[in-house]
Amino acid sequence: MRFNPILLAIAALFHSSLLLADPPVVELNTSEGLLVLELEPELAPTTVANFLDYVEDGFYNGTIFHRVIDGFMIQGGGFTADYQRKQTRKPIVNEANNGLRNQRYTIAMARTNAPHSATAQFFINSEDNNNLDHTGTTARGWGYTVFGRVIDGHDVVDQIGQSPTGPGGPFSRDAPRSKIVIESAVWLKPEIEETDETAPTEPTVADPVDVTPAAKALEQSGALAIQ
């Protein structure tokens, strides 16, 4: 997959501005309680910039955690409460080789079986999931990009992870029986805000294949297996 060099250059400038400030903090206000995320722009610059772009656009407001697997992860950020898939920007480069691990309460990007296919969907690890870590630059070894961690709301992650699940919308299983909604996502900016006025790129229709963080989830949901 080829990436637009102009967009990469713009992203690099944005990443540099992020590194000058404290780590970005984002609040996810959910129907189950508050999740506070601290992001890692130094180790996952493209992924963090991409996530913050979606936050700033209000993209995640009103979306749901559509896949929950107890003892594994909770996944959201791509579907509305009535299971309509949201349009996204183009996929971003995989940064799973940044040294961050898929440990409990970290947040990572979901994707299809293509390594560089992450757009807006993310998941929060409910347990240590070493099988999702980067092991090599092959289709099987790329892994899933960790770009931050939950610093407040561990109990909320646990509560969501233990939600009763079943069929829902296009999913044959693993969908919470009671909707778990991200009511708002807010970037808690420092008092001195950055002055980047770069216009956002045009959104594109998401890949019709649902993204998922690992073969374990795909096997349980009956979806296409990840390589």
C-alpha atoms as a PDB file:
ATOM      1  CA  MET A   1       0.000   0.000   0.000  1.00  0.00           C
ATOM      2  CA  ARG A   2       1.340   3.436  -0.943  1.00  0.00           C
ATOM      3  CA  PHE A   3       0.869   6.449   1.302  1.00  0.00           C
ATOM      4  CA  ASN A   4       0.581  10.051   0.138  1.00  0.00           C
ATOM      5  CA  PRO A   5       3.974  11.712   0.851  1.00  0.00           C
ATOM      6  CA  ILE A   6       2.348  15.140   1.303  1.00  0.00           C
ATOM      7  CA  LEU A   7      -0.022  13.810   3.948  1.00  0.00           C
ATOM      8  CA  LEU A   8       2.866  12.051   5.682  1.00  0.00           C
ATOM      9  CA  ALA A   9       4.820  15.308   5.740  1.00  0.00           C
ATOM     10  CA  ILE A  10       1.853  17.178   7.233  1.00  0.00           C
ATOM     11  CA  ALA A  11       1.449  14.435   9.818  1.00  0.00           C
ATOM     12  CA  ALA A  12       5.141  14.681  10.692  1.00  0.00           C
ATOM     13  CA  LEU A  13       4.765  18.401  11.463  1.00  0.00           C
ATOM     14  CA  PHE A  14       1.727  17.672  13.634  1.00  0.00           C
ATOM     15  CA  HIS A  15       3.629  14.900  15.416  1.00  0.00           C
ATOM     16  CA  SER A  16       6.498  17.278  16.173  1.00  0.00           C
ATOM     17  CA  SER A  17       4.095  19.739  17.802  1.00  0.00           C
ATOM     18  CA  LEU A  18       2.641  16.944  19.941  1.00  0.00           C
ATOM     19  CA  LEU A  19       6.077  15.977  21.203  1.00  0.00           C
ATOM     20  CA  LEU A  20       6.651  19.491  22.565  1.00  0.00           C
ATOM     21  CA  ALA A  21       3.694  19.176  24.948  1.00  0.00           C
ATOM     22  CA  ASP A  22       2.696  16.734  27.657  1.00  0.00           C
ATOM     23  CA  PRO A  23       1.298  13.395  26.428  1.00  0.00           C
ATOM     24  CA  PRO A  24      -2.213  13.957  25.017  1.00  0.00           C
ATOM     25  CA  VAL A  25      -5.057  12.899  27.299  1.00  0.00           C
ATOM     26  CA  VAL A  26      -8.486  11.947  25.950  1.00  0.00           C
ATOM     27  CA  GLU A  27     -11.664  11.359  27.929  1.00  0.00           C
ATOM     28  CA  LEU A  28     -14.131   8.777  26.628  1.00  0.00           C
ATOM     29  CA  ASN A  29     -17.453   9.402  28.329  1.00  0.00           C
ATOM     30  CA  THR A  30     -19.338   6.121  27.984  1.00  0.00           C
ATOM     31  CA  SER A  31     -22.736   4.916  29.111  1.00  0.00           C
ATOM     32  CA  GLU A  32     -20.865   2.691  31.600  1.00  0.00           C
ATOM     33  CA  GLY A  33     -18.600   5.399  33.007  1.00  0.00           C
ATOM     34  CA  LEU A  34     -15.536   7.511  32.229  1.00  0.00           C
ATOM     35  CA  LEU A  35     -12.371   6.217  30.548  1.00  0.00           C
ATOM     36  CA  VAL A  36      -9.284   8.462  30.572  1.00  0.00           C
ATOM     37  CA  LEU A  37      -6.607   7.671  27.988  1.00  0.00           C
ATOM     38  CA  GLU A  38      -2.992   8.843  27.935  1.00  0.00           C
ATOM     39  CA  LEU A  39      -1.531   8.580  24.435  1.00  0.00           C
ATOM     40  CA  GLU A  40       2.027   7.896  23.213  1.00  0.00           C
ATOM     41  CA  PRO A  41       2.852  10.351  20.386  1.00  0.00           C
ATOM     42  CA  GLU A  42       6.585   9.725  20.654  1.00  0.00           C
ATOM     43  CA  LEU A  43       6.293   5.989  19.968  1.00  0.00           C
ATOM     44  CA  ALA A  44       3.153   5.979  17.803  1.00  0.00           C
ATOM     45  CA  PRO A  45       3.084   9.424  16.151  1.00  0.00           C
ATOM     46  CA  THR A  46       0.966   8.615  13.101  1.00  0.00           C
ATOM     47  CA  THR A  47      -1.517   6.549  15.085  1.00  0.00           C
ATOM     48  CA  VAL A  48      -1.935   9.176  17.800  1.00  0.00           C
ATOM     49  CA  ALA A  49      -2.388  11.985  15.250  1.00  0.00           C
ATOM     50  CA  ASN A  50      -4.973   9.879  13.409  1.00  0.00           C
ATOM     51  CA  PHE A  51      -6.893   9.093  16.616  1.00  0.00           C
ATOM     52  CA  LEU A  52      -6.871  12.740  17.724  1.00  0.00           C
ATOM     53  CA  ASP A  53      -8.143  13.823  14.306  1.00  0.00           C
ATOM     54  CA  TYR A  54     -11.169  11.551  14.754  1.00  0.00           C
ATOM     55  CA  VAL A  55     -11.666  12.813  18.313  1.00  0.00           C
ATOM     56  CA  GLU A  56     -11.534  16.446  17.187  1.00  0.00           C
ATOM     57  CA  ASP A  57     -14.047  15.746  14.417  1.00  0.00           C
ATOM     58  CA  GLY A  58     -16.519  14.262  16.910  1.00  0.00           C
ATOM     59  CA  PHE A  59     -16.342  10.990  14.986  1.00  0.00           C
ATOM     60  CA  TYR A  60     -16.546   8.750  18.053  1.00  0.00           C
ATOM     61  CA  ASN A  61     -19.496  10.555  19.651  1.00  0.00           C
ATOM     62  CA  GLY A  62     -22.479   8.213  19.602  1.00  0.00           C
ATOM     63  CA  THR A  63     -20.520   5.138  18.507  1.00  0.00           C
ATOM     64  CA  ILE A  64     -20.627   1.866  20.434  1.00  0.00           C
ATOM     65  CA  PHE A  65     -18.415  -0.897  21.740  1.00  0.00           C
ATOM     66  CA  HIS A  66     -19.713  -3.396  19.220  1.00  0.00           C
ATOM     67  CA  ARG A  67     -17.515  -6.390  20.090  1.00  0.00           C
ATOM     68  CA  VAL A  68     -16.711  -7.524  23.628  1.00  0.00           C
ATOM     69  CA  ILE A  69     -14.885 -10.736  24.545  1.00  0.00           C
ATOM     70  CA  ASP A  70     -14.402 -11.384  28.249  1.00  0.00           C
ATOM     71  CA  GLY A  71     -10.744 -11.996  29.110  1.00  0.00           C
ATOM     72  CA  PHE A  72      -9.574 -10.581  25.785  1.00  0.00           C
ATOM     73  CA  MET A  73     -10.617  -7.080  24.676  1.00  0.00           C
ATOM     74  CA  ILE A  74     -13.387  -4.540  24.118  1.00  0.00           C
ATOM     75  CA  GLN A  75     -13.627  -3.038  20.612  1.00  0.00           C
ATOM     76  CA  GLY A  76     -15.386   0.058  19.332  1.00  0.00           C
ATOM     77  CA  GLY A  77     -15.198   3.252  17.349  1.00  0.00           C
ATOM     78  CA  GLY A  78     -16.719   2.190  14.046  1.00  0.00           C
ATOM     79  CA  PHE A  79     -20.477   1.719  14.376  1.00  0.00           C
ATOM     80  CA  THR A  80     -23.414   3.848  15.474  1.00  0.00           C
ATOM     81  CA  ALA A  81     -25.929   2.619  18.054  1.00  0.00           C
ATOM     82  CA  ASP A  82     -28.070   1.190  15.243  1.00  0.00           C
ATOM     83  CA  TYR A  83     -25.056  -0.646  13.785  1.00  0.00           C
ATOM     84  CA  GLN A  84     -24.471   1.687  10.861  1.00  0.00           C
ATOM     85  CA  ARG A  85     -20.836   1.627   9.778  1.00  0.00           C
ATOM     86  CA  LYS A  86     -19.270   5.096   9.827  1.00  0.00           C
ATOM     87  CA  GLN A  87     -17.223   6.456   6.950  1.00  0.00           C
ATOM     88  CA  THR A  88     -13.533   6.874   7.715  1.00  0.00           C
ATOM     89  CA  ARG A  89     -10.390   8.440   6.381  1.00  0.00           C
ATOM     90  CA  LYS A  90      -7.847   6.378   4.502  1.00  0.00           C
ATOM     91  CA  PRO A  91      -5.905   3.652   6.383  1.00  0.00           C
ATOM     92  CA  ILE A  92      -2.712   4.515   8.219  1.00  0.00           C
ATOM     93  CA  VAL A  93       0.689   2.856   8.443  1.00  0.00           C
ATOM     94  CA  ASN A  94       1.088   0.134  11.076  1.00  0.00           C
ATOM     95  CA  GLU A  95       3.361   1.240  13.962  1.00  0.00           C
ATOM     96  CA  ALA A  96       3.185  -1.969  15.991  1.00  0.00           C
ATOM     97  CA  ASN A  97       6.993  -2.210  15.820  1.00  0.00           C
ATOM     98  CA  ASN A  98       7.262   0.678  18.304  1.00  0.00           C
ATOM     99  CA  GLY A  99       8.077  -1.517  21.310  1.00  0.00           C
ATOM    100  CA  LEU A 100       4.729  -1.021  23.079  1.00  0.00           C
ATOM    101  CA  ARG A 101       3.027  -4.235  24.164  1.00  0.00           C
ATOM    102  CA  ASN A 102      -0.617  -5.265  24.124  1.00  0.00           C
ATOM    103  CA  GLN A 103      -0.831  -5.346  27.900  1.00  0.00           C
ATOM    104  CA  ARG A 104      -3.920  -5.051  30.048  1.00  0.00           C
ATOM    105  CA  TYR A 105      -5.609  -1.628  29.808  1.00  0.00           C
ATOM    106  CA  THR A 106      -3.608  -0.495  26.771  1.00  0.00           C
ATOM    107  CA  ILE A 107      -5.431   0.865  23.727  1.00  0.00           C
ATOM    108  CA  ALA A 108      -4.535  -0.360  20.245  1.00  0.00           C
ATOM    109  CA  MET A 109      -5.789  -0.054  16.682  1.00  0.00           C
ATOM    110  CA  ALA A 110      -8.059  -2.685  15.165  1.00  0.00           C
ATOM    111  CA  ARG A 111      -7.586  -3.627  11.530  1.00  0.00           C
ATOM    112  CA  THR A 112      -8.369  -6.224   8.876  1.00  0.00           C
ATOM    113  CA  ASN A 113      -5.952  -9.006   7.919  1.00  0.00           C
ATOM    114  CA  ALA A 114      -3.949  -6.424   5.946  1.00  0.00           C
ATOM    115  CA  PRO A 115      -1.210  -5.031   8.250  1.00  0.00           C
ATOM    116  CA  HIS A 116      -1.632  -1.388   7.177  1.00  0.00           C
ATOM    117  CA  SER A 117      -5.440  -1.181   7.201  1.00  0.00           C
ATOM    118  CA  ALA A 118      -6.307   0.548  10.506  1.00  0.00           C
ATOM    119  CA  THR A 119      -8.652   3.521  10.235  1.00  0.00           C
ATOM    120  CA  ALA A 120     -10.829   4.527  13.224  1.00  0.00           C
ATOM    121  CA  GLN A 121     -11.705   1.376  15.154  1.00  0.00           C
ATOM    122  CA  PHE A 122      -9.719   0.615  18.297  1.00  0.00           C
ATOM    123  CA  PHE A 123      -9.720  -1.893  21.123  1.00  0.00           C
ATOM    124  CA  ILE A 124      -8.726  -1.872  24.775  1.00  0.00           C
ATOM    125  CA  ASN A 125      -6.965  -4.977  26.025  1.00  0.00           C
ATOM    126  CA  SER A 126      -8.808  -6.596  28.942  1.00  0.00           C
ATOM    127  CA  GLU A 127      -5.807  -8.852  29.631  1.00  0.00           C
ATOM    128  CA  ASP A 128      -2.180  -9.147  28.536  1.00  0.00           C
ATOM    129  CA  ASN A 129      -2.415 -10.251  24.888  1.00  0.00           C
ATOM    130  CA  ASN A 130       1.144 -10.998  23.847  1.00  0.00           C
ATOM    131  CA  ASN A 131      -0.120 -12.798  20.724  1.00  0.00           C
ATOM    132  CA  LEU A 132      -1.103  -9.385  19.324  1.00  0.00           C
ATOM    133  CA  ASP A 133       2.414  -7.906  19.592  1.00  0.00           C
ATOM    134  CA  HIS A 134       4.722  -7.211  16.656  1.00  0.00           C
ATOM    135  CA  THR A 135       7.118 -10.057  15.856  1.00  0.00           C
ATOM    136  CA  GLY A 136       8.210  -9.256  12.304  1.00  0.00           C
ATOM    137  CA  THR A 137       7.386  -7.353   9.129  1.00  0.00           C
ATOM    138  CA  THR A 138       5.312 -10.142   7.624  1.00  0.00           C
ATOM    139  CA  ALA A 139       1.539 -10.355   7.205  1.00  0.00           C
ATOM    140  CA  ARG A 140       1.374 -12.694  10.196  1.00  0.00           C
ATOM    141  CA  GLY A 141       3.940 -10.928  12.338  1.00  0.00           C
ATOM    142  CA  TRP A 142       3.044  -7.237  12.066  1.00  0.00           C
ATOM    143  CA  GLY A 143       0.804  -7.215  15.100  1.00  0.00           C
ATOM    144  CA  TYR A 144      -1.503  -4.468  16.368  1.00  0.00           C
ATOM    145  CA  THR A 145      -0.368  -0.930  17.175  1.00  0.00           C
ATOM    146  CA  VAL A 146      -0.550   0.070  20.832  1.00  0.00           C
ATOM    147  CA  PHE A 147      -0.731   3.870  21.099  1.00  0.00           C
ATOM    148  CA  GLY A 148      -1.760   4.599  24.673  1.00  0.00           C
ATOM    149  CA  ARG A 149      -3.206   3.288  27.908  1.00  0.00           C
ATOM    150  CA  VAL A 150      -6.160   3.752  30.218  1.00  0.00           C
ATOM    151  CA  ILE A 151      -4.975   5.786  33.221  1.00  0.00           C
ATOM    152  CA  ASP A 152      -8.381   6.094  34.875  1.00  0.00           C
ATOM    153  CA  GLY A 153     -11.401   3.837  34.509  1.00  0.00           C
ATOM    154  CA  HIS A 154      -9.933   0.359  34.832  1.00  0.00           C
ATOM    155  CA  ASP A 155     -13.120  -0.671  36.608  1.00  0.00           C
ATOM    156  CA  VAL A 156     -15.134   0.558  33.631  1.00  0.00           C
ATOM    157  CA  VAL A 157     -13.026  -1.532  31.235  1.00  0.00           C
ATOM    158  CA  ASP A 158     -13.597  -4.576  33.459  1.00  0.00           C
ATOM    159  CA  GLN A 159     -17.317  -3.876  33.667  1.00  0.00           C
ATOM    160  CA  ILE A 160     -17.672  -3.552  29.894  1.00  0.00           C
ATOM    161  CA  GLY A 161     -15.573  -6.671  29.392  1.00  0.00           C
ATOM    162  CA  GLN A 162     -17.979  -8.706  31.505  1.00  0.00           C
ATOM    163  CA  SER A 163     -21.096  -7.542  29.674  1.00  0.00           C
ATOM    164  CA  PRO A 164     -23.473 -10.275  28.450  1.00  0.00           C
ATOM    165  CA  THR A 165     -23.110 -10.651  24.677  1.00  0.00           C
ATOM    166  CA  GLY A 166     -24.841 -12.291  21.759  1.00  0.00           C
ATOM    167  CA  PRO A 167     -25.929 -11.504  18.187  1.00  0.00           C
ATOM    168  CA  GLY A 168     -26.292  -7.856  17.272  1.00  0.00           C
ATOM    169  CA  GLY A 169     -26.578  -6.002  13.966  1.00  0.00           C
ATOM    170  CA  PRO A 170     -24.283  -7.675  11.420  1.00  0.00           C
ATOM    171  CA  PHE A 171     -22.508  -9.716  14.111  1.00  0.00           C
ATOM    172  CA  SER A 172     -23.461 -13.290  14.929  1.00  0.00           C
ATOM    173  CA  ARG A 173     -21.987 -13.055  18.437  1.00  0.00           C
ATOM    174  CA  ASP A 174     -19.884 -10.948  20.851  1.00  0.00           C
ATOM    175  CA  ALA A 175     -22.128  -7.857  20.601  1.00  0.00           C
ATOM    176  CA  PRO A 176     -23.199  -6.489  24.023  1.00  0.00           C
ATOM    177  CA  ARG A 177     -26.881  -7.226  24.640  1.00  0.00           C
ATOM    178  CA  SER A 178     -27.266  -3.736  26.129  1.00  0.00           C
ATOM    179  CA  LYS A 179     -25.744  -0.985  23.988  1.00  0.00           C
ATOM    180  CA  ILE A 180     -22.528   0.473  25.398  1.00  0.00           C
ATOM    181  CA  VAL A 181     -22.271   3.950  23.905  1.00  0.00           C
ATOM    182  CA  ILE A 182     -19.329   6.345  23.657  1.00  0.00           C
ATOM    183  CA  GLU A 183     -21.322   9.469  24.409  1.00  0.00           C
ATOM    184  CA  SER A 184     -18.382  11.789  23.750  1.00  0.00           C
ATOM    185  CA  ALA A 185     -14.634  11.743  23.163  1.00  0.00           C
ATOM    186  CA  VAL A 186     -12.780  14.866  24.308  1.00  0.00           C
ATOM    187  CA  TRP A 187      -9.113  15.800  23.933  1.00  0.00           C
ATOM    188  CA  LEU A 188      -8.065  17.585  27.128  1.00  0.00           C
ATOM    189  CA  LYS A 189      -5.723  20.104  25.549  1.00  0.00           C
ATOM    190  CA  PRO A 190      -3.264  22.178  27.564  1.00  0.00           C
ATOM    191  CA  GLU A 191      -4.060  25.861  28.046  1.00  0.00           C
ATOM    192  CA  ILE A 192      -1.700  26.846  25.222  1.00  0.00           C
ATOM    193  CA  GLU A 193      -3.215  25.124  22.211  1.00  0.00           C
ATOM    194  CA  GLU A 194      -1.312  24.148  19.105  1.00  0.00           C
ATOM    195  CA  THR A 195      -1.794  26.314  16.005  1.00  0.00           C
ATOM    196  CA  ASP A 196      -1.854  23.606  13.343  1.00  0.00           C
ATOM    197  CA  GLU A 197      -4.571  24.675  10.901  1.00  0.00           C
ATOM    198  CA  THR A 198      -4.162  21.840   8.439  1.00  0.00           C
ATOM    199  CA  ALA A 199      -7.469  20.915   6.797  1.00  0.00           C
ATOM    200  CA  PRO A 200      -8.585  17.312   7.343  1.00  0.00           C
ATOM    201  CA  THR A 201      -8.431  14.906   4.437  1.00  0.00           C
ATOM    202  CA  GLU A 202     -11.600  13.786   2.673  1.00  0.00           C
ATOM    203  CA  PRO A 203     -13.152  10.691   4.292  1.00  0.00           C
ATOM    204  CA  THR A 204     -13.402   7.442   2.376  1.00  0.00           C
ATOM    205  CA  VAL A 205     -15.762   4.525   2.783  1.00  0.00           C
ATOM    206  CA  ALA A 206     -14.392   1.946   5.214  1.00  0.00           C
ATOM    207  CA  ASP A 207     -13.431  -1.524   4.044  1.00  0.00           C
ATOM    208  CA  PRO A 208     -16.626  -3.637   4.142  1.00  0.00           C
ATOM    209  CA  VAL A 209     -14.766  -6.342   6.042  1.00  0.00           C
ATOM    210  CA  ASP A 210     -15.109  -5.574   9.755  1.00  0.00           C
ATOM    211  CA  VAL A 211     -11.837  -4.977  11.532  1.00  0.00           C
ATOM    212  CA  THR A 212     -10.923  -7.064  14.559  1.00  0.00           C
ATOM    213  CA  PRO A 213      -7.804  -7.254  16.722  1.00  0.00           C
ATOM    214  CA  ALA A 214      -6.989 -10.944  16.439  1.00  0.00           C
ATOM    215  CA  ALA A 215      -7.803 -14.352  15.018  1.00  0.00           C
ATOM    216  CA  LYS A 216      -9.289 -15.327  18.389  1.00  0.00           C
ATOM    217  CA  ALA A 217     -12.040 -12.750  18.033  1.00  0.00           C
ATOM    218  CA  LEU A 218     -12.581 -13.584  14.377  1.00  0.00           C
ATOM    219  CA  GLU A 219     -12.934 -17.280  15.049  1.00  0.00           C
ATOM    220  CA  GLN A 220     -15.474 -16.604  17.766  1.00  0.00           C
ATOM    221  CA  SER A 221     -17.460 -14.227  15.561  1.00  0.00           C
ATOM    222  CA  GLY A 222     -17.355 -16.415  12.455  1.00  0.00           C
ATOM    223  CA  ALA A 223     -15.682 -13.656  10.442  1.00  0.00           C
ATOM    224  CA  LEU A 224     -12.784 -13.902   7.990  1.00  0.00           C
ATOM    225  CA  ALA A 225      -9.650 -15.197   9.717  1.00  0.00           C
ATOM    226  CA  ILE A 226      -6.638 -12.921  10.066  1.00  0.00           C
ATOM    227  CA  GLN A 227      -3.373 -14.219   8.727  1.00  0.00           C
END
